[in-house]
Amino acid sequence: MPRFLKSYMVDPPYYFSEINYDACKVYLKSKLDLRKKEVSAIPLCKKEPKRGTCVISGWGATDRNGQVGADVLQKLSVRIVPRAQCKNIYSSAIEITDAMICAISTPGRSACKPEILTFY
């Protein structure tokens, strides 16, 4: 566990082999100093976004094979797309559930792999 992390709580219905409910709360040992250039807060949504852009963050895989995790928390702005669009495109590959927010990122940048629709 990183030295700044007090504890964390993975969303209870999450299973590593699935991507549904892929969320985690982290509890820090001390407060963030938001005056520092390299530190910023990401506001949380009060309800599910249906359109527009949002910021995602995580320590997920940084290589194309999904084998190497990030040492530094990553963030990315993504554009929300209708869940029906995801279901239409990816229903044969993965079940798109109501717990997922569908988003698309700039080509070459993604939370998972470059240039694909990704699910959050």
N, C-alpha and C. Protein backbone atom coordinates (compact mmCIF):
# COMPACT_ATOMS: atom_id res chain seq x y z
N MET A 1 0.86 -1.17 0.00
CA MET A 1 0.00 0.00 0.00
C MET A 1 0.90 1.24 0.00
N PRO A 2 0.61 2.21 -0.86
CA PRO A 2 1.42 3.44 -0.89
C PRO A 2 1.47 4.11 0.48
N ARG A 3 2.57 4.78 0.79
CA ARG A 3 2.78 5.35 2.13
C ARG A 3 1.77 6.43 2.51
N PHE A 4 1.15 7.09 1.53
CA PHE A 4 0.19 8.15 1.81
C PHE A 4 -1.22 7.62 2.03
N LEU A 5 -1.44 6.35 1.78
CA LEU A 5 -2.77 5.76 1.85
C LEU A 5 -3.01 5.15 3.22
N LYS A 6 -4.09 5.59 3.85
CA LYS A 6 -4.46 5.04 5.16
C LYS A 6 -5.19 3.71 4.96
N SER A 7 -6.17 3.72 4.08
CA SER A 7 -6.92 2.50 3.76
C SER A 7 -7.70 2.73 2.47
N TYR A 8 -8.36 1.70 2.02
CA TYR A 8 -9.21 1.82 0.84
C TYR A 8 -10.38 0.86 0.96
N MET A 9 -11.45 1.15 0.22
CA MET A 9 -12.63 0.30 0.23
C MET A 9 -13.10 0.10 -1.21
N VAL A 10 -13.02 -1.13 -1.66
CA VAL A 10 -13.48 -1.48 -3.00
C VAL A 10 -14.99 -1.65 -2.95
N ASP A 11 -15.67 -1.19 -3.99
CA ASP A 11 -17.12 -1.31 -4.06
C ASP A 11 -17.50 -2.78 -3.84
N PRO A 12 -18.35 -3.10 -2.87
CA PRO A 12 -18.64 -4.50 -2.52
C PRO A 12 -19.04 -5.43 -3.67
N PRO A 13 -19.83 -5.00 -4.65
CA PRO A 13 -20.18 -5.97 -5.69
C PRO A 13 -19.06 -6.20 -6.73
N TYR A 14 -17.93 -5.52 -6.60
CA TYR A 14 -16.86 -5.63 -7.60
C TYR A 14 -16.11 -6.95 -7.50
N TYR A 15 -15.86 -7.55 -8.66
CA TYR A 15 -15.01 -8.73 -8.77
C TYR A 15 -13.95 -8.43 -9.80
N PHE A 16 -12.70 -8.80 -9.52
CA PHE A 16 -11.57 -8.48 -10.40
C PHE A 16 -11.79 -8.98 -11.83
N SER A 17 -12.44 -10.12 -12.00
CA SER A 17 -12.62 -10.69 -13.32
C SER A 17 -13.70 -9.97 -14.13
N GLU A 18 -14.46 -9.09 -13.50
CA GLU A 18 -15.51 -8.33 -14.20
C GLU A 18 -15.17 -6.85 -14.13
N ILE A 19 -15.79 -6.05 -14.98
CA ILE A 19 -15.54 -4.61 -14.91
C ILE A 19 -16.73 -3.85 -14.35
N ASN A 20 -17.75 -4.56 -13.90
CA ASN A 20 -18.92 -3.93 -13.30
C ASN A 20 -18.58 -3.45 -11.89
N TYR A 21 -19.05 -2.28 -11.52
CA TYR A 21 -18.81 -1.69 -10.19
C TYR A 21 -17.31 -1.49 -9.94
N ASP A 22 -16.59 -1.08 -10.95
CA ASP A 22 -15.14 -0.89 -10.84
C ASP A 22 -14.86 0.48 -10.21
N ALA A 23 -15.00 0.54 -8.88
CA ALA A 23 -14.79 1.80 -8.16
C ALA A 23 -14.18 1.49 -6.80
N CYS A 24 -13.49 2.48 -6.28
CA CYS A 24 -12.81 2.30 -4.99
C CYS A 24 -12.71 3.65 -4.30
N LYS A 25 -12.97 3.67 -3.00
CA LYS A 25 -12.75 4.87 -2.19
C LYS A 25 -11.39 4.73 -1.53
N VAL A 26 -10.64 5.82 -1.52
CA VAL A 26 -9.34 5.80 -0.84
C VAL A 26 -9.38 6.80 0.31
N TYR A 27 -8.74 6.42 1.40
CA TYR A 27 -8.66 7.27 2.58
C TYR A 27 -7.18 7.60 2.79
N LEU A 28 -6.87 8.88 2.80
CA LEU A 28 -5.48 9.32 2.91
C LEU A 28 -5.06 9.50 4.37
N LYS A 29 -3.77 9.36 4.62
CA LYS A 29 -3.24 9.54 5.98
C LYS A 29 -3.29 10.99 6.41
N SER A 30 -3.22 11.91 5.46
CA SER A 30 -3.29 13.33 5.79
C SER A 30 -4.04 14.07 4.69
N LYS A 31 -4.44 15.29 5.01
CA LYS A 31 -5.17 16.09 4.03
C LYS A 31 -4.27 16.50 2.87
N LEU A 32 -4.88 16.69 1.71
CA LEU A 32 -4.13 17.16 0.54
C LEU A 32 -3.87 18.65 0.66
N ASP A 33 -2.72 19.09 0.23
CA ASP A 33 -2.40 20.51 0.17
C ASP A 33 -2.72 20.98 -1.25
N LEU A 34 -3.91 21.51 -1.44
CA LEU A 34 -4.37 21.91 -2.76
C LEU A 34 -3.66 23.14 -3.31
N ARG A 35 -2.79 23.74 -2.52
CA ARG A 35 -2.01 24.89 -3.00
C ARG A 35 -0.84 24.43 -3.86
N LYS A 36 -0.47 23.15 -3.76
CA LYS A 36 0.65 22.62 -4.55
C LYS A 36 0.21 22.43 -5.99
N LYS A 37 1.11 22.76 -6.90
CA LYS A 37 0.84 22.68 -8.33
C LYS A 37 0.45 21.27 -8.78
N GLU A 38 1.10 20.25 -8.23
CA GLU A 38 0.87 18.89 -8.67
C GLU A 38 -0.31 18.19 -7.98
N VAL A 39 -1.04 18.92 -7.13
CA VAL A 39 -2.16 18.35 -6.40
C VAL A 39 -3.44 19.06 -6.83
N SER A 40 -4.47 18.28 -7.12
CA SER A 40 -5.77 18.88 -7.44
C SER A 40 -6.88 17.92 -7.03
N ALA A 41 -8.04 18.45 -6.85
CA ALA A 41 -9.21 17.66 -6.48
C ALA A 41 -10.07 17.42 -7.71
N ILE A 42 -10.70 16.29 -7.76
CA ILE A 42 -11.66 15.98 -8.82
C ILE A 42 -13.03 15.95 -8.17
N PRO A 43 -13.93 16.86 -8.55
CA PRO A 43 -15.25 16.87 -7.93
C PRO A 43 -16.04 15.61 -8.30
N LEU A 44 -16.82 15.09 -7.35
CA LEU A 44 -17.63 13.91 -7.59
C LEU A 44 -19.02 14.32 -8.05
N CYS A 45 -19.62 13.50 -8.89
CA CYS A 45 -20.98 13.74 -9.38
C CYS A 45 -21.98 13.34 -8.30
N LYS A 46 -23.06 14.09 -8.23
CA LYS A 46 -24.13 13.75 -7.31
C LYS A 46 -25.13 12.80 -7.95
N LYS A 47 -25.14 12.77 -9.30
CA LYS A 47 -25.99 11.82 -10.02
C LYS A 47 -25.27 11.41 -11.30
N GLU A 48 -25.76 10.37 -11.93
CA GLU A 48 -25.10 9.83 -13.13
C GLU A 48 -25.12 10.85 -14.26
N PRO A 49 -23.97 11.15 -14.84
CA PRO A 49 -23.94 12.07 -15.98
C PRO A 49 -24.51 11.38 -17.23
N LYS A 50 -25.32 12.07 -17.97
CA LYS A 50 -25.93 11.52 -19.18
C LYS A 50 -25.24 12.02 -20.44
N ARG A 51 -24.55 13.17 -20.34
CA ARG A 51 -23.82 13.74 -21.49
C ARG A 51 -22.77 14.70 -20.96
N GLY A 52 -21.96 15.19 -21.86
CA GLY A 52 -20.91 16.11 -21.46
C GLY A 52 -19.60 15.40 -21.25
N THR A 53 -18.72 16.03 -20.49
CA THR A 53 -17.43 15.43 -20.21
C THR A 53 -17.27 15.22 -18.71
N CYS A 54 -16.41 14.30 -18.36
CA CYS A 54 -16.09 14.09 -16.95
C CYS A 54 -14.64 13.66 -16.85
N VAL A 55 -14.13 13.70 -15.65
CA VAL A 55 -12.75 13.29 -15.39
C VAL A 55 -12.78 11.94 -14.70
N ILE A 56 -11.98 11.01 -15.21
CA ILE A 56 -11.84 9.71 -14.57
C ILE A 56 -10.42 9.62 -14.01
N SER A 57 -10.22 8.79 -13.00
CA SER A 57 -8.89 8.64 -12.44
C SER A 57 -8.69 7.23 -11.93
N GLY A 58 -7.43 6.84 -11.81
CA GLY A 58 -7.12 5.52 -11.28
C GLY A 58 -5.67 5.15 -11.45
N TRP A 59 -5.34 4.01 -10.88
CA TRP A 59 -3.98 3.47 -10.97
C TRP A 59 -3.98 2.26 -11.90
N GLY A 60 -4.87 2.22 -12.86
CA GLY A 60 -5.02 1.06 -13.74
C GLY A 60 -3.85 0.81 -14.66
N ALA A 61 -4.06 -0.15 -15.54
CA ALA A 61 -3.02 -0.59 -16.47
C ALA A 61 -2.58 0.55 -17.39
N THR A 62 -1.27 0.60 -17.64
CA THR A 62 -0.72 1.64 -18.50
C THR A 62 -0.10 1.07 -19.77
N ASP A 63 -0.12 -0.25 -19.94
CA ASP A 63 0.40 -0.85 -21.17
C ASP A 63 -0.75 -1.51 -21.93
N ARG A 64 -0.53 -1.81 -23.18
CA ARG A 64 -1.57 -2.38 -24.04
C ARG A 64 -2.05 -3.76 -23.59
N ASN A 65 -1.23 -4.49 -22.85
CA ASN A 65 -1.61 -5.83 -22.40
C ASN A 65 -2.29 -5.83 -21.04
N GLY A 66 -2.38 -4.68 -20.41
CA GLY A 66 -3.04 -4.58 -19.11
C GLY A 66 -2.23 -5.18 -17.98
N GLN A 67 -0.92 -5.30 -18.15
CA GLN A 67 -0.07 -5.95 -17.16
C GLN A 67 0.65 -4.99 -16.23
N VAL A 68 0.83 -3.73 -16.64
CA VAL A 68 1.61 -2.78 -15.85
C VAL A 68 0.69 -1.69 -15.30
N GLY A 69 0.67 -1.56 -13.97
CA GLY A 69 -0.15 -0.54 -13.34
C GLY A 69 0.64 0.75 -13.13
N ALA A 70 -0.07 1.85 -13.02
CA ALA A 70 0.56 3.15 -12.83
C ALA A 70 1.07 3.31 -11.40
N ASP A 71 2.21 3.97 -11.25
CA ASP A 71 2.73 4.30 -9.93
C ASP A 71 2.14 5.60 -9.40
N VAL A 72 1.69 6.44 -10.32
CA VAL A 72 1.13 7.75 -9.99
C VAL A 72 -0.33 7.76 -10.45
N LEU A 73 -1.21 8.30 -9.64
CA LEU A 73 -2.62 8.39 -10.01
C LEU A 73 -2.77 9.10 -11.34
N GLN A 74 -3.47 8.48 -12.27
CA GLN A 74 -3.68 9.03 -13.60
C GLN A 74 -5.07 9.66 -13.67
N LYS A 75 -5.22 10.66 -14.54
CA LYS A 75 -6.55 11.22 -14.78
C LYS A 75 -6.70 11.52 -16.26
N LEU A 76 -7.94 11.52 -16.71
CA LEU A 76 -8.24 11.70 -18.12
C LEU A 76 -9.64 12.28 -18.26
N SER A 77 -9.80 13.26 -19.14
CA SER A 77 -11.13 13.78 -19.46
C SER A 77 -11.72 12.91 -20.57
N VAL A 78 -12.97 12.51 -20.37
CA VAL A 78 -13.66 11.68 -21.36
C VAL A 78 -15.04 12.27 -21.65
N ARG A 79 -15.58 11.89 -22.80
CA ARG A 79 -16.91 12.36 -23.21
C ARG A 79 -17.92 11.25 -22.96
N ILE A 80 -19.00 11.57 -22.26
CA ILE A 80 -20.06 10.62 -21.97
C ILE A 80 -20.84 10.35 -23.25
N VAL A 81 -21.14 9.07 -23.50
CA VAL A 81 -21.97 8.68 -24.65
C VAL A 81 -23.15 7.87 -24.12
N PRO A 82 -24.26 7.85 -24.85
CA PRO A 82 -25.44 7.12 -24.38
C PRO A 82 -25.15 5.63 -24.18
N ARG A 83 -25.70 5.08 -23.10
CA ARG A 83 -25.51 3.66 -22.80
C ARG A 83 -26.02 2.79 -23.96
N ALA A 84 -27.08 3.23 -24.62
CA ALA A 84 -27.62 2.47 -25.75
C ALA A 84 -26.58 2.32 -26.86
N GLN A 85 -25.75 3.34 -27.06
CA GLN A 85 -24.68 3.27 -28.07
C GLN A 85 -23.68 2.19 -27.70
N CYS A 86 -23.29 2.12 -26.44
CA CYS A 86 -22.37 1.07 -25.99
C CYS A 86 -22.99 -0.31 -26.18
N LYS A 87 -24.24 -0.44 -25.77
CA LYS A 87 -24.91 -1.74 -25.90
C LYS A 87 -24.98 -2.16 -27.36
N ASN A 88 -25.26 -1.22 -28.23
CA ASN A 88 -25.36 -1.52 -29.66
C ASN A 88 -24.03 -1.99 -30.23
N ILE A 89 -22.95 -1.37 -29.82
CA ILE A 89 -21.62 -1.69 -30.36
C ILE A 89 -21.01 -2.91 -29.69
N TYR A 90 -21.15 -3.04 -28.37
CA TYR A 90 -20.39 -4.04 -27.62
C TYR A 90 -21.20 -5.17 -27.00
N SER A 91 -22.49 -5.28 -27.31
CA SER A 91 -23.31 -6.29 -26.64
C SER A 91 -22.82 -7.72 -26.87
N SER A 92 -22.16 -7.98 -27.98
CA SER A 92 -21.66 -9.34 -28.22
C SER A 92 -20.38 -9.62 -27.44
N ALA A 93 -19.67 -8.59 -26.98
CA ALA A 93 -18.40 -8.78 -26.29
C ALA A 93 -18.51 -8.68 -24.77
N ILE A 94 -19.43 -7.85 -24.29
CA ILE A 94 -19.53 -7.60 -22.86
C ILE A 94 -20.94 -7.14 -22.53
N GLU A 95 -21.40 -7.48 -21.34
CA GLU A 95 -22.71 -7.02 -20.91
C GLU A 95 -22.57 -5.59 -20.38
N ILE A 96 -23.31 -4.67 -20.97
CA ILE A 96 -23.31 -3.28 -20.51
C ILE A 96 -24.45 -3.17 -19.50
N THR A 97 -24.09 -2.86 -18.26
CA THR A 97 -25.09 -2.83 -17.19
C THR A 97 -25.43 -1.40 -16.79
N ASP A 98 -26.46 -1.27 -15.97
CA ASP A 98 -26.87 0.06 -15.49
C ASP A 98 -25.87 0.64 -14.51
N ALA A 99 -24.91 -0.15 -14.04
CA ALA A 99 -23.88 0.34 -13.13
C ALA A 99 -22.72 0.97 -13.88
N MET A 100 -22.75 0.93 -15.19
CA MET A 100 -21.65 1.45 -16.00
C MET A 100 -22.01 2.80 -16.61
N ILE A 101 -21.01 3.65 -16.73
CA ILE A 101 -21.14 4.91 -17.45
C ILE A 101 -20.29 4.74 -18.70
N CYS A 102 -20.87 4.96 -19.86
CA CYS A 102 -20.13 4.77 -21.11
C CYS A 102 -19.49 6.09 -21.51
N ALA A 103 -18.22 6.00 -21.88
CA ALA A 103 -17.47 7.19 -22.24
C ALA A 103 -16.49 6.87 -23.35
N ILE A 104 -16.12 7.90 -24.07
CA ILE A 104 -15.13 7.75 -25.14
C ILE A 104 -14.06 8.82 -24.93
N SER A 105 -12.84 8.44 -25.19
CA SER A 105 -11.74 9.37 -24.99
C SER A 105 -11.12 9.76 -26.32
N THR A 106 -10.20 10.68 -26.26
CA THR A 106 -9.46 11.12 -27.44
C THR A 106 -8.67 9.94 -27.99
N PRO A 107 -8.64 9.73 -29.30
CA PRO A 107 -7.85 8.63 -29.86
C PRO A 107 -6.42 8.65 -29.32
N GLY A 108 -5.95 7.48 -28.92
CA GLY A 108 -4.61 7.37 -28.38
C GLY A 108 -4.54 7.54 -26.87
N ARG A 109 -5.67 7.91 -26.25
CA ARG A 109 -5.71 8.08 -24.79
C ARG A 109 -6.93 7.35 -24.27
N SER A 110 -6.77 6.58 -23.25
CA SER A 110 -7.89 5.83 -22.72
C SER A 110 -7.57 5.35 -21.31
N ALA A 111 -8.61 5.02 -20.56
CA ALA A 111 -8.40 4.43 -19.25
C ALA A 111 -8.00 2.96 -19.39
N CYS A 112 -8.34 2.37 -20.50
CA CYS A 112 -8.02 0.96 -20.72
C CYS A 112 -7.02 0.78 -21.84
N LYS A 113 -7.48 0.87 -23.05
CA LYS A 113 -6.59 0.73 -24.20
C LYS A 113 -6.91 1.84 -25.20
N PRO A 114 -5.93 2.29 -25.96
CA PRO A 114 -6.14 3.39 -26.88
C PRO A 114 -7.21 3.13 -27.95
N GLU A 115 -7.89 4.17 -28.29
CA GLU A 115 -8.78 4.22 -29.44
C GLU A 115 -9.94 3.22 -29.41
N ILE A 116 -10.47 2.95 -28.24
CA ILE A 116 -11.66 2.13 -28.15
C ILE A 116 -12.65 2.81 -27.22
N LEU A 117 -13.91 2.46 -27.37
CA LEU A 117 -14.90 2.92 -26.39
C LEU A 117 -14.58 2.24 -25.08
N THR A 118 -14.56 2.98 -24.02
CA THR A 118 -14.25 2.38 -22.73
C THR A 118 -15.43 2.55 -21.79
N PHE A 119 -15.51 1.71 -20.81
CA PHE A 119 -16.64 1.69 -19.91
C PHE A 119 -16.20 2.08 -18.51
N TYR A 120 -16.99 2.93 -17.84
CA TYR A 120 -16.67 3.36 -16.48
C TYR A 120 -17.91 3.27 -15.64
